[in-house]
Amino acid sequence: VNDTVALGAGVSLQYINGQISKALDLGTATRNPAFFGNPAFDGE
């Protein structure tokens, strides 16, 4: 604008990509206490 003030602006095009995984406690879902939290019965 002058020697004291300058202004600026921009526009953004933003790409986003996500990848998330977790284990599932399928042993607990069977309602068999022997399977609760057992990694052999984990899904993902």
Full PDB file with SEQRES, HELIX, SHEET, SSBOND, CRYST1, ORIGX, SCALE, CONECT and MASTER records, all heavy atoms in Angstrom:
SEQRES   1 A   44  VAL ASN ASP THR VAL ALA LEU GLY ALA GLY VAL SER LEU          
SEQRES   2 A   44  GLN TYR ILE ASN GLY GLN ILE SER LYS ALA LEU ASP LEU          
SEQRES   3 A   44  GLY THR ALA THR ARG ASN PRO ALA PHE PHE GLY ASN PRO          
SEQRES   4 A   44  ALA PHE ASP GLY GLU                                          
HELIX    1 AA1 LEU A   26  ALA A   29  1                                   4    
HELIX    2 AA2 PRO A   33  PHE A   35  5                                   3    
HELIX    3 AA3 PRO A   39  PHE A   41  5                                   3    
SHEET    1 AA1 2 LEU A  24  ASP A  25  0                                        
SHEET    2 AA1 2 ASP A  42  GLY A  43 -1                                        
CRYST1    1.000    1.000    1.000  90.00  90.00  90.00 P 1           1          
ORIGX1      1.000000  0.000000  0.000000        0.00000                         
ORIGX2      0.000000  1.000000  0.000000        0.00000                         
ORIGX3      0.000000  0.000000  1.000000        0.00000                         
SCALE1      1.000000  0.000000  0.000000        0.00000                         
SCALE2      0.000000  1.000000  0.000000        0.00000                         
SCALE3      0.000000  0.000000  1.000000        0.00000                         
ATOM      1  N   VAL A   1       0.840  -1.202   0.000  1.00  0.00           N  
ATOM      2  CA  VAL A   1       0.000   0.000   0.000  1.00  0.00           C  
ATOM      3  C   VAL A   1       0.869   1.242   0.000  1.00  0.00           C  
ATOM      4  O   VAL A   1       0.653   2.188  -0.776  1.00  0.00           O  
ATOM      5  CB  VAL A   1      -0.936  -0.008   1.221  1.00  0.00           C  
ATOM      6  CG1 VAL A   1      -1.800   1.256   1.246  1.00  0.00           C  
ATOM      7  CG2 VAL A   1      -1.815  -1.260   1.225  1.00  0.00           C  
ATOM      8  N   ASN A   2       1.868   1.268   0.858  1.00  0.00           N  
ATOM      9  CA  ASN A   2       2.834   2.366   0.939  1.00  0.00           C  
ATOM     10  C   ASN A   2       4.054   1.837   1.685  1.00  0.00           C  
ATOM     11  O   ASN A   2       4.168   0.624   1.920  1.00  0.00           O  
ATOM     12  CB  ASN A   2       2.225   3.600   1.628  1.00  0.00           C  
ATOM     13  CG  ASN A   2       1.571   3.259   2.969  1.00  0.00           C  
ATOM     14  OD1 ASN A   2       2.144   2.520   3.771  1.00  0.00           O  
ATOM     15  ND2 ASN A   2       0.366   3.786   3.190  1.00  0.00           N  
ATOM     16  N   ASP A   3       4.948   2.727   2.081  1.00  0.00           N  
ATOM     17  CA  ASP A   3       6.165   2.278   2.753  1.00  0.00           C  
ATOM     18  C   ASP A   3       5.906   1.729   4.154  1.00  0.00           C  
ATOM     19  O   ASP A   3       6.797   1.135   4.761  1.00  0.00           O  
ATOM     20  CB  ASP A   3       7.175   3.422   2.837  1.00  0.00           C  
ATOM     21  CG  ASP A   3       7.758   3.780   1.476  1.00  0.00           C  
ATOM     22  OD1 ASP A   3       7.694   2.917   0.574  1.00  0.00           O  
ATOM     23  OD2 ASP A   3       8.267   4.914   1.327  1.00  0.00           O  
ATOM     24  N   THR A   4       4.689   1.929   4.645  1.00  0.00           N  
ATOM     25  CA  THR A   4       4.361   1.480   6.006  1.00  0.00           C  
ATOM     26  C   THR A   4       3.533   0.201   6.034  1.00  0.00           C  
ATOM     27  O   THR A   4       3.734  -0.659   6.890  1.00  0.00           O  
ATOM     28  CB  THR A   4       3.595   2.589   6.760  1.00  0.00           C  
ATOM     29  OG1 THR A   4       4.399   3.770   6.805  1.00  0.00           O  
ATOM     30  CG2 THR A   4       3.265   2.166   8.181  1.00  0.00           C  
ATOM     31  N   VAL A   5       2.635   0.050   5.085  1.00  0.00           N  
ATOM     32  CA  VAL A   5       1.647  -1.038   5.138  1.00  0.00           C  
ATOM     33  C   VAL A   5       1.721  -1.907   3.884  1.00  0.00           C  
ATOM     34  O   VAL A   5       1.790  -1.394   2.764  1.00  0.00           O  
ATOM     35  CB  VAL A   5       0.218  -0.472   5.284  1.00  0.00           C  
ATOM     36  CG1 VAL A   5      -0.800  -1.613   5.327  1.00  0.00           C  
ATOM     37  CG2 VAL A   5       0.113   0.385   6.537  1.00  0.00           C  
ATOM     38  N   ALA A   6       1.697  -3.224   4.100  1.00  0.00           N  
ATOM     39  CA  ALA A   6       1.559  -4.200   3.013  1.00  0.00           C  
ATOM     40  C   ALA A   6       0.503  -5.216   3.403  1.00  0.00           C  
ATOM     41  O   ALA A   6       0.391  -5.599   4.578  1.00  0.00           O  
ATOM     42  CB  ALA A   6       2.881  -4.893   2.723  1.00  0.00           C  
ATOM     43  N   LEU A   7      -0.278  -5.654   2.433  1.00  0.00           N  
ATOM     44  CA  LEU A   7      -1.343  -6.616   2.662  1.00  0.00           C  
ATOM     45  C   LEU A   7      -1.102  -7.865   1.825  1.00  0.00           C  
ATOM     46  O   LEU A   7      -0.467  -7.797   0.762  1.00  0.00           O  
ATOM     47  CB  LEU A   7      -2.709  -6.007   2.309  1.00  0.00           C  
ATOM     48  CG  LEU A   7      -3.065  -4.694   3.001  1.00  0.00           C  
ATOM     49  CD1 LEU A   7      -4.391  -4.168   2.466  1.00  0.00           C  
ATOM     50  CD2 LEU A   7      -3.132  -4.888   4.517  1.00  0.00           C  
ATOM     51  N   GLY A   8      -1.622  -8.985   2.275  1.00  0.00           N  
ATOM     52  CA  GLY A   8      -1.447 -10.222   1.529  1.00  0.00           C  
ATOM     53  C   GLY A   8      -2.645 -11.137   1.697  1.00  0.00           C  
ATOM     54  O   GLY A   8      -3.387 -11.056   2.679  1.00  0.00           O  
ATOM     55  N   ALA A   9      -2.845 -12.027   0.733  1.00  0.00           N  
ATOM     56  CA  ALA A   9      -3.944 -12.984   0.794  1.00  0.00           C  
ATOM     57  C   ALA A   9      -3.590 -14.200  -0.045  1.00  0.00           C  
ATOM     58  O   ALA A   9      -2.762 -14.132  -0.963  1.00  0.00           O  
ATOM     59  CB  ALA A   9      -5.247 -12.354   0.292  1.00  0.00           C  
ATOM     60  N   GLY A  10      -4.223 -15.316   0.275  1.00  0.00           N  
ATOM     61  CA  GLY A  10      -4.000 -16.533  -0.482  1.00  0.00           C  
ATOM     62  C   GLY A  10      -5.197 -17.453  -0.385  1.00  0.00           C  
ATOM     63  O   GLY A  10      -6.058 -17.305   0.497  1.00  0.00           O  
ATOM     64  N   VAL A  11      -5.287 -18.400  -1.282  1.00  0.00           N  
ATOM     65  CA  VAL A  11      -6.306 -19.443  -1.231  1.00  0.00           C  
ATOM     66  C   VAL A  11      -5.599 -20.791  -1.092  1.00  0.00           C  
ATOM     67  O   VAL A  11      -4.462 -20.958  -1.543  1.00  0.00           O  
ATOM     68  CB  VAL A  11      -7.210 -19.433  -2.477  1.00  0.00           C  
ATOM     69  CG1 VAL A  11      -8.011 -18.140  -2.542  1.00  0.00           C  
ATOM     70  CG2 VAL A  11      -6.385 -19.600  -3.755  1.00  0.00           C  
ATOM     71  N   SER A  12      -6.275 -21.742  -0.449  1.00  0.00           N  
ATOM     72  CA  SER A  12      -5.670 -23.042  -0.181  1.00  0.00           C  
ATOM     73  C   SER A  12      -6.512 -24.165  -0.757  1.00  0.00           C  
ATOM     74  O   SER A  12      -7.736 -24.185  -0.599  1.00  0.00           O  
ATOM     75  CB  SER A  12      -5.521 -23.271   1.331  1.00  0.00           C  
ATOM     76  OG  SER A  12      -4.476 -22.483   1.860  1.00  0.00           O  
ATOM     77  N   LEU A  13      -5.840 -25.094  -1.396  1.00  0.00           N  
ATOM     78  CA  LEU A  13      -6.423 -26.369  -1.793  1.00  0.00           C  
ATOM     79  C   LEU A  13      -5.687 -27.425  -0.986  1.00  0.00           C  
ATOM     80  O   LEU A  13      -4.481 -27.602  -1.137  1.00  0.00           O  
ATOM     81  CB  LEU A  13      -6.252 -26.600  -3.292  1.00  0.00           C  
ATOM     82  CG  LEU A  13      -6.877 -27.856  -3.904  1.00  0.00           C  
ATOM     83  CD1 LEU A  13      -7.228 -27.628  -5.372  1.00  0.00           C  
ATOM     84  CD2 LEU A  13      -5.933 -29.055  -3.789  1.00  0.00           C  
ATOM     85  N   GLN A  14      -6.423 -28.104  -0.096  1.00  0.00           N  
ATOM     86  CA  GLN A  14      -5.782 -29.006   0.859  1.00  0.00           C  
ATOM     87  C   GLN A  14      -6.277 -30.442   0.680  1.00  0.00           C  
ATOM     88  O   GLN A  14      -7.468 -30.712   0.761  1.00  0.00           O  
ATOM     89  CB  GLN A  14      -6.064 -28.542   2.289  1.00  0.00           C  
ATOM     90  CG  GLN A  14      -5.401 -29.404   3.373  1.00  0.00           C  
ATOM     91  CD  GLN A  14      -5.479 -28.756   4.725  1.00  0.00           C  
ATOM     92  OE1 GLN A  14      -4.689 -27.865   5.053  1.00  0.00           O  
ATOM     93  NE2 GLN A  14      -6.433 -29.184   5.537  1.00  0.00           N  
ATOM     94  N   TYR A  15      -5.331 -31.344   0.468  1.00  0.00           N  
ATOM     95  CA  TYR A  15      -5.622 -32.776   0.375  1.00  0.00           C  
ATOM     96  C   TYR A  15      -5.302 -33.424   1.713  1.00  0.00           C  
ATOM     97  O   TYR A  15      -4.271 -33.142   2.328  1.00  0.00           O  
ATOM     98  CB  TYR A  15      -4.775 -33.418  -0.727  1.00  0.00           C  
ATOM     99  CG  TYR A  15      -4.846 -34.934  -0.761  1.00  0.00           C  
ATOM    100  CD1 TYR A  15      -5.913 -35.588  -1.366  1.00  0.00           C  
ATOM    101  CD2 TYR A  15      -3.831 -35.695  -0.178  1.00  0.00           C  
ATOM    102  CE1 TYR A  15      -5.967 -36.977  -1.394  1.00  0.00           C  
ATOM    103  CE2 TYR A  15      -3.881 -37.081  -0.201  1.00  0.00           C  
ATOM    104  CZ  TYR A  15      -4.953 -37.718  -0.814  1.00  0.00           C  
ATOM    105  OH  TYR A  15      -5.004 -39.090  -0.829  1.00  0.00           O  
ATOM    106  N   ILE A  16      -6.197 -34.315   2.179  1.00  0.00           N  
ATOM    107  CA  ILE A  16      -5.980 -35.009   3.436  1.00  0.00           C  
ATOM    108  C   ILE A  16      -6.174 -36.503   3.221  1.00  0.00           C  
ATOM    109  O   ILE A  16      -7.081 -36.933   2.498  1.00  0.00           O  
ATOM    110  CB  ILE A  16      -6.929 -34.475   4.545  1.00  0.00           C  
ATOM    111  CG1 ILE A  16      -6.602 -35.116   5.895  1.00  0.00           C  
ATOM    112  CG2 ILE A  16      -8.392 -34.685   4.170  1.00  0.00           C  
ATOM    113  CD1 ILE A  16      -7.339 -34.477   7.058  1.00  0.00           C  
ATOM    114  N   ASN A  17      -5.297 -37.294   3.833  1.00  0.00           N  
ATOM    115  CA  ASN A  17      -5.355 -38.747   3.726  1.00  0.00           C  
ATOM    116  C   ASN A  17      -5.116 -39.344   5.107  1.00  0.00           C  
ATOM    117  O   ASN A  17      -4.177 -38.943   5.810  1.00  0.00           O  
ATOM    118  CB  ASN A  17      -4.300 -39.257   2.742  1.00  0.00           C  
ATOM    119  CG  ASN A  17      -4.290 -40.768   2.634  1.00  0.00           C  
ATOM    120  OD1 ASN A  17      -5.253 -41.376   2.169  1.00  0.00           O  
ATOM    121  ND2 ASN A  17      -3.204 -41.390   3.079  1.00  0.00           N  
ATOM    122  N   GLY A  18      -5.967 -40.280   5.501  1.00  0.00           N  
ATOM    123  CA  GLY A  18      -5.818 -40.886   6.814  1.00  0.00           C  
ATOM    124  C   GLY A  18      -5.876 -42.395   6.766  1.00  0.00           C  
ATOM    125  O   GLY A  18      -6.566 -42.980   5.922  1.00  0.00           O  
ATOM    126  N   GLN A  19      -5.136 -43.027   7.665  1.00  0.00           N  
ATOM    127  CA  GLN A  19      -5.129 -44.484   7.776  1.00  0.00           C  
ATOM    128  C   GLN A  19      -5.004 -44.831   9.250  1.00  0.00           C  
ATOM    129  O   GLN A  19      -4.015 -44.478   9.900  1.00  0.00           O  
ATOM    130  CB  GLN A  19      -3.969 -45.092   6.992  1.00  0.00           C  
ATOM    131  CG  GLN A  19      -3.822 -46.596   7.157  1.00  0.00           C  
ATOM    132  CD  GLN A  19      -2.608 -47.152   6.432  1.00  0.00           C  
ATOM    133  OE1 GLN A  19      -2.124 -46.558   5.465  1.00  0.00           O  
ATOM    134  NE2 GLN A  19      -2.099 -48.276   6.893  1.00  0.00           N  
ATOM    135  N   ILE A  20      -6.001 -45.515   9.796  1.00  0.00           N  
ATOM    136  CA  ILE A  20      -6.052 -45.813  11.221  1.00  0.00           C  
ATOM    137  C   ILE A  20      -6.402 -47.274  11.426  1.00  0.00           C  
ATOM    138  O   ILE A  20      -7.301 -47.805  10.771  1.00  0.00           O  
ATOM    139  CB  ILE A  20      -7.125 -44.961  11.935  1.00  0.00           C  
ATOM    140  CG1 ILE A  20      -7.017 -43.497  11.556  1.00  0.00           C  
ATOM    141  CG2 ILE A  20      -7.047 -45.165  13.445  1.00  0.00           C  
ATOM    142  CD1 ILE A  20      -5.766 -42.827  11.995  1.00  0.00           C  
ATOM    143  N   SER A  21      -5.700 -47.941  12.345  1.00  0.00           N  
ATOM    144  CA  SER A  21      -6.040 -49.322  12.671  1.00  0.00           C  
ATOM    145  C   SER A  21      -6.029 -49.533  14.175  1.00  0.00           C  
ATOM    146  O   SER A  21      -5.354 -48.815  14.915  1.00  0.00           O  
ATOM    147  CB  SER A  21      -5.062 -50.294  11.998  1.00  0.00           C  
ATOM    148  OG  SER A  21      -3.751 -50.126  12.505  1.00  0.00           O  
ATOM    149  N   LYS A  22      -6.796 -50.507  14.639  1.00  0.00           N  
ATOM    150  CA  LYS A  22      -6.861 -50.879  16.046  1.00  0.00           C  
ATOM    151  C   LYS A  22      -7.279 -52.330  16.150  1.00  0.00           C  
ATOM    152  O   LYS A  22      -7.875 -52.898  15.220  1.00  0.00           O  
ATOM    153  CB  LYS A  22      -7.846 -49.997  16.810  1.00  0.00           C  
ATOM    154  CG  LYS A  22      -9.278 -50.165  16.351  1.00  0.00           C  
ATOM    155  CD  LYS A  22     -10.227 -49.276  17.117  1.00  0.00           C  
ATOM    156  CE  LYS A  22     -10.432 -49.768  18.530  1.00  0.00           C  
ATOM    157  NZ  LYS A  22     -11.281 -50.981  18.591  1.00  0.00           N  
ATOM    158  N   ALA A  23      -6.945 -52.963  17.270  1.00  0.00           N  
ATOM    159  CA  ALA A  23      -7.381 -54.325  17.522  1.00  0.00           C  
ATOM    160  C   ALA A  23      -8.812 -54.300  18.063  1.00  0.00           C  
ATOM    161  O   ALA A  23      -9.247 -53.317  18.680  1.00  0.00           O  
ATOM    162  CB  ALA A  23      -6.452 -55.006  18.520  1.00  0.00           C  
ATOM    163  N   LEU A  24      -9.546 -55.389  17.841  1.00  0.00           N  
ATOM    164  CA  LEU A  24     -10.908 -55.535  18.325  1.00  0.00           C  
ATOM    165  C   LEU A  24     -10.972 -56.696  19.307  1.00  0.00           C  
ATOM    166  O   LEU A  24     -10.489 -57.802  19.011  1.00  0.00           O  
ATOM    167  CB  LEU A  24     -11.866 -55.794  17.156  1.00  0.00           C  
ATOM    168  CG  LEU A  24     -11.914 -54.732  16.064  1.00  0.00           C  
ATOM    169  CD1 LEU A  24     -12.871 -55.169  14.958  1.00  0.00           C  
ATOM    170  CD2 LEU A  24     -12.337 -53.386  16.620  1.00  0.00           C  
ATOM    171  N   ASP A  25     -11.569 -56.459  20.454  1.00  0.00           N  
ATOM    172  CA  ASP A  25     -11.674 -57.474  21.495  1.00  0.00           C  
ATOM    173  C   ASP A  25     -12.873 -58.381  21.190  1.00  0.00           C  
ATOM    174  O   ASP A  25     -13.911 -58.325  21.848  1.00  0.00           O  
ATOM    175  CB  ASP A  25     -11.821 -56.798  22.856  1.00  0.00           C  
ATOM    176  CG  ASP A  25     -11.918 -57.788  23.996  1.00  0.00           C  
ATOM    177  OD1 ASP A  25     -11.569 -58.971  23.780  1.00  0.00           O  
ATOM    178  OD2 ASP A  25     -12.349 -57.389  25.099  1.00  0.00           O  
ATOM    179  N   LEU A  26     -12.722 -59.227  20.186  1.00  0.00           N  
ATOM    180  CA  LEU A  26     -13.818 -60.108  19.782  1.00  0.00           C  
ATOM    181  C   LEU A  26     -14.045 -61.224  20.794  1.00  0.00           C  
ATOM    182  O   LEU A  26     -15.133 -61.797  20.856  1.00  0.00           O  
ATOM    183  CB  LEU A  26     -13.533 -60.694  18.404  1.00  0.00           C  
ATOM    184  CG  LEU A  26     -13.347 -59.675  17.270  1.00  0.00           C  
ATOM    185  CD1 LEU A  26     -13.180 -60.387  15.936  1.00  0.00           C  
ATOM    186  CD2 LEU A  26     -14.507 -58.706  17.216  1.00  0.00           C  
ATOM    187  N   GLY A  27     -13.027 -61.530  21.582  1.00  0.00           N  
ATOM    188  CA  GLY A  27     -13.201 -62.543  22.616  1.00  0.00           C  
ATOM    189  C   GLY A  27     -14.263 -62.148  23.624  1.00  0.00           C  
ATOM    190  O   GLY A  27     -15.099 -62.965  24.028  1.00  0.00           O  
ATOM    191  N   THR A  28     -14.264 -60.867  24.019  1.00  0.00           N  
ATOM    192  CA  THR A  28     -15.270 -60.396  24.958  1.00  0.00           C  
ATOM    193  C   THR A  28     -16.660 -60.446  24.344  1.00  0.00           C  
ATOM    194  O   THR A  28     -17.648 -60.732  25.024  1.00  0.00           O  
ATOM    195  CB  THR A  28     -14.928 -58.965  25.422  1.00  0.00           C  
ATOM    196  OG1 THR A  28     -13.717 -59.000  26.175  1.00  0.00           O  
ATOM    197  CG2 THR A  28     -16.025 -58.378  26.289  1.00  0.00           C  
ATOM    198  N   ALA A  29     -16.760 -60.190  23.045  1.00  0.00           N  
ATOM    199  CA  ALA A  29     -18.064 -60.200  22.383  1.00  0.00           C  
ATOM    200  C   ALA A  29     -18.715 -61.577  22.367  1.00  0.00           C  
ATOM    201  O   ALA A  29     -19.931 -61.697  22.221  1.00  0.00           O  
ATOM    202  CB  ALA A  29     -17.926 -59.691  20.954  1.00  0.00           C  
ATOM    203  N   THR A  30     -17.925 -62.637  22.549  1.00  0.00           N  
ATOM    204  CA  THR A  30     -18.496 -63.993  22.563  1.00  0.00           C  
ATOM    205  C   THR A  30     -19.199 -64.294  23.872  1.00  0.00           C  
ATOM    206  O   THR A  30     -19.879 -65.315  23.981  1.00  0.00           O  
ATOM    207  CB  THR A  30     -17.402 -65.044  22.351  1.00  0.00           C  
ATOM    208  OG1 THR A  30     -16.503 -65.030  23.472  1.00  0.00           O  
ATOM    209  CG2 THR A  30     -16.631 -64.785  21.063  1.00  0.00           C  
ATOM    210  N   ARG A  31     -18.983 -63.465  24.881  1.00  0.00           N  
ATOM    211  CA  ARG A  31     -19.578 -63.622  26.212  1.00  0.00           C  
ATOM    212  C   ARG A  31     -19.009 -64.830  26.955  1.00  0.00           C  
ATOM    213  O   ARG A  31     -19.565 -65.263  27.960  1.00  0.00           O  
ATOM    214  CB  ARG A  31     -21.101 -63.714  26.129  1.00  0.00           C  
ATOM    215  CG  ARG A  31     -21.751 -62.509  25.451  1.00  0.00           C  
ATOM    216  CD  ARG A  31     -23.251 -62.641  25.404  1.00  0.00           C  
ATOM    217  NE  ARG A  31     -23.810 -62.621  26.750  1.00  0.00           N  
ATOM    218  CZ  ARG A  31     -25.080 -62.978  27.033  1.00  0.00           C  
ATOM    219  NH1 ARG A  31     -25.871 -63.380  26.076  1.00  0.00           N  
ATOM    220  NH2 ARG A  31     -25.514 -62.917  28.268  1.00  0.00           N  
ATOM    221  N   ASN A  32     -17.907 -65.367  26.474  1.00  0.00           N  
ATOM    222  CA  ASN A  32     -17.231 -66.464  27.152  1.00  0.00           C  
ATOM    223  C   ASN A  32     -16.071 -65.884  27.948  1.00  0.00           C  
ATOM    224  O   ASN A  32     -15.089 -65.413  27.367  1.00  0.00           O  
ATOM    225  CB  ASN A  32     -16.720 -67.482  26.127  1.00  0.00           C  
ATOM    226  CG  ASN A  32     -16.090 -68.709  26.789  1.00  0.00           C  
ATOM    227  OD1 ASN A  32     -15.655 -68.663  27.940  1.00  0.00           O  
ATOM    228  ND2 ASN A  32     -16.048 -69.806  26.053  1.00  0.00           N  
ATOM    229  N   PRO A  33     -16.153 -65.887  29.285  1.00  0.00           N  
ATOM    230  CA  PRO A  33     -15.100 -65.237  30.090  1.00  0.00           C  
ATOM    231  C   PRO A  33     -13.693 -65.732  29.785  1.00  0.00           C  
ATOM    232  O   PRO A  33     -12.720 -64.982  29.960  1.00  0.00           O  
ATOM    233  CB  PRO A  33     -15.509 -65.588  31.529  1.00  0.00           C  
ATOM    234  CG  PRO A  33     -16.989 -65.807  31.454  1.00  0.00           C  
ATOM    235  CD  PRO A  33     -17.229 -66.449  30.116  1.00  0.00           C  
ATOM    236  N   ALA A  34     -13.561 -66.967  29.316  1.00  0.00           N  
ATOM    237  CA  ALA A  34     -12.233 -67.497  29.006  1.00  0.00           C  
ATOM    238  C   ALA A  34     -11.603 -66.804  27.808  1.00  0.00           C  
ATOM    239  O   ALA A  34     -10.385 -66.853  27.620  1.00  0.00           O  
ATOM    240  CB  ALA A  34     -12.325 -68.998  28.735  1.00  0.00           C  
ATOM    241  N   PHE A  35     -12.424 -66.147  26.990  1.00  0.00           N  
ATOM    242  CA  PHE A  35     -11.931 -65.486  25.777  1.00  0.00           C  
ATOM    243  C   PHE A  35     -11.711 -63.987  25.973  1.00  0.00           C  
ATOM    244  O   PHE A  35     -11.139 -63.333  25.115  1.00  0.00           O  
ATOM    245  CB  PHE A  35     -12.918 -65.683  24.627  1.00  0.00           C  
ATOM    246  CG  PHE A  35     -13.082 -67.112  24.178  1.00  0.00           C  
ATOM    247  CD1 PHE A  35     -14.123 -67.468  23.339  1.00  0.00           C  
ATOM    248  CD2 PHE A  35     -12.208 -68.097  24.601  1.00  0.00           C  
ATOM    249  CE1 PHE A  35     -14.290 -68.785  22.920  1.00  0.00           C  
ATOM    250  CE2 PHE A  35     -12.362 -69.416  24.186  1.00  0.00           C  
ATOM    251  CZ  PHE A  35     -13.404 -69.758  23.341  1.00  0.00           C  
ATOM    252  N   PHE A  36     -12.189 -63.413  27.106  1.00  0.00           N  
ATOM    253  CA  PHE A  36     -12.154 -61.969  27.302  1.00  0.00           C  
ATOM    254  C   PHE A  36     -10.712 -61.458  27.228  1.00  0.00           C  
ATOM    255  O   PHE A  36      -9.833 -61.910  27.964  1.00  0.00           O  
ATOM    256  CB  PHE A  36     -12.743 -61.583  28.654  1.00  0.00           C  
ATOM    257  CG  PHE A  36     -14.230 -61.779  28.766  1.00  0.00           C  
ATOM    258  CD1 PHE A  36     -14.961 -62.322  27.727  1.00  0.00           C  
ATOM    259  CD2 PHE A  36     -14.897 -61.419  29.931  1.00  0.00           C  
ATOM    260  CE1 PHE A  36     -16.331 -62.503  27.836  1.00  0.00           C  
ATOM    261  CE2 PHE A  36     -16.269 -61.592  30.049  1.00  0.00           C  
ATOM    262  CZ  PHE A  36     -16.980 -62.146  29.003  1.00  0.00           C  
ATOM    263  N   GLY A  37     -10.436 -60.514  26.331  1.00  0.00           N  
ATOM    264  CA  GLY A  37      -9.123 -59.899  26.232  1.00  0.00           C  
ATOM    265  C   GLY A  37      -8.037 -60.845  25.778  1.00  0.00           C  
ATOM    266  O   GLY A  37      -6.853 -60.516  25.891  1.00  0.00           O  
ATOM    267  N   ASN A  38      -8.406 -61.997  25.252  1.00  0.00           N  
ATOM    268  CA  ASN A  38      -7.431 -62.987  24.798  1.00  0.00           C  
ATOM    269  C   ASN A  38      -6.938 -62.605  23.402  1.00  0.00           C  
ATOM    270  O   ASN A  38      -7.725 -62.557  22.461  1.00  0.00           O  
ATOM    271  CB  ASN A  38      -8.074 -64.376  24.770  1.00  0.00           C  
ATOM    272  CG  ASN A  38      -7.077 -65.484  24.478  1.00  0.00           C  
ATOM    273  OD1 ASN A  38      -6.057 -65.263  23.824  1.00  0.00           O  
ATOM    274  ND2 ASN A  38      -7.375 -66.679  24.958  1.00  0.00           N  
ATOM    275  N   PRO A  39      -5.638 -62.323  23.224  1.00  0.00           N  
ATOM    276  CA  PRO A  39      -5.156 -61.876  21.911  1.00  0.00           C  
ATOM    277  C   PRO A  39      -5.386 -62.897  20.805  1.00  0.00           C  
ATOM    278  O   PRO A  39      -5.407 -62.536  19.630  1.00  0.00           O  
ATOM    279  CB  PRO A  39      -3.668 -61.623  22.145  1.00  0.00           C  
ATOM    280  CG  PRO A  39      -3.321 -62.359  23.399  1.00  0.00           C  
ATOM    281  CD  PRO A  39      -4.566 -62.365  24.230  1.00  0.00           C  
ATOM    282  N   ALA A  40      -5.561 -64.177  21.163  1.00  0.00           N  
ATOM    283  CA  ALA A  40      -5.829 -65.196  20.144  1.00  0.00           C  
ATOM    284  C   ALA A  40      -7.176 -64.969  19.470  1.00  0.00           C  
ATOM    285  O   ALA A  40      -7.424 -65.479  18.368  1.00  0.00           O  
ATOM    286  CB  ALA A  40      -5.785 -66.588  20.768  1.00  0.00           C  
ATOM    287  N   PHE A  41      -8.058 -64.214  20.128  1.00  0.00           N  
ATOM    288  CA  PHE A  41      -9.381 -63.944  19.579  1.00  0.00           C  
ATOM    289  C   PHE A  41      -9.554 -62.471  19.213  1.00  0.00           C  
ATOM    290  O   PHE A  41     -10.672 -61.992  19.087  1.00  0.00           O  
ATOM    291  CB  PHE A  41     -10.463 -64.385  20.577  1.00  0.00           C  
ATOM    292  CG  PHE A  41     -10.427 -65.858  20.865  1.00  0.00           C  
ATOM    293  CD1 PHE A  41      -9.799 -66.333  22.012  1.00  0.00           C  
ATOM    294  CD2 PHE A  41     -10.976 -66.773  19.992  1.00  0.00           C  
ATOM    295  CE1 PHE A  41      -9.741 -67.697  22.280  1.00  0.00           C  
ATOM    296  CE2 PHE A  41     -10.925 -68.132  20.239  1.00  0.00           C  
ATOM    297  CZ  PHE A  41     -10.299 -68.599  21.388  1.00  0.00           C  
ATOM    298  N   ASP A  42      -8.440 -61.777  19.068  1.00  0.00           N  
ATOM    299  CA  ASP A  42      -8.506 -60.369  18.639  1.00  0.00           C  
ATOM    300  C   ASP A  42      -8.774 -60.285  17.146  1.00  0.00           C  
ATOM    301  O   ASP A  42      -8.204 -61.049  16.346  1.00  0.00           O  
ATOM    302  CB  ASP A  42      -7.182 -59.653  18.930  1.00  0.00           C  
ATOM    303  CG  ASP A  42      -7.032 -59.272  20.381  1.00  0.00           C  
ATOM    304  OD1 ASP A  42      -7.993 -59.454  21.145  1.00  0.00           O  
ATOM    305  OD2 ASP A  42      -5.937 -58.804  20.748  1.00  0.00           O  
ATOM    306  N   GLY A  43      -9.609 -59.364  16.766  1.00  0.00           N  
ATOM    307  CA  GLY A  43      -9.750 -58.991  15.367  1.00  0.00           C  
ATOM    308  C   GLY A  43      -9.024 -57.676  15.134  1.00  0.00           C  
ATOM    309  O   GLY A  43      -8.248 -57.209  15.981  1.00  0.00           O  
ATOM    310  N   GLU A  44      -9.251 -57.076  13.987  1.00  0.00           N  
ATOM    311  CA  GLU A  44      -8.626 -55.785  13.680  1.00  0.00           C  
ATOM    312  C   GLU A  44      -9.519 -54.999  12.727  1.00  0.00           C  
ATOM    313  O   GLU A  44     -10.165 -55.582  11.850  1.00  0.00           O  
ATOM    314  CB  GLU A  44      -7.256 -55.978  13.041  1.00  0.00           C  
ATOM    315  CG  GLU A  44      -6.484 -54.694  12.811  1.00  0.00           C  
ATOM    316  CD  GLU A  44      -5.086 -54.926  12.260  1.00  0.00           C  
ATOM    317  OE1 GLU A  44      -4.434 -55.893  12.691  1.00  0.00           O  
ATOM    318  OE2 GLU A  44      -4.675 -54.142  11.383  1.00  0.00           O  
TER     319      GLU A  44                                                      
MASTER        0    0    0    3    2    0    0    6  318    1    0    4          
END                                                                             
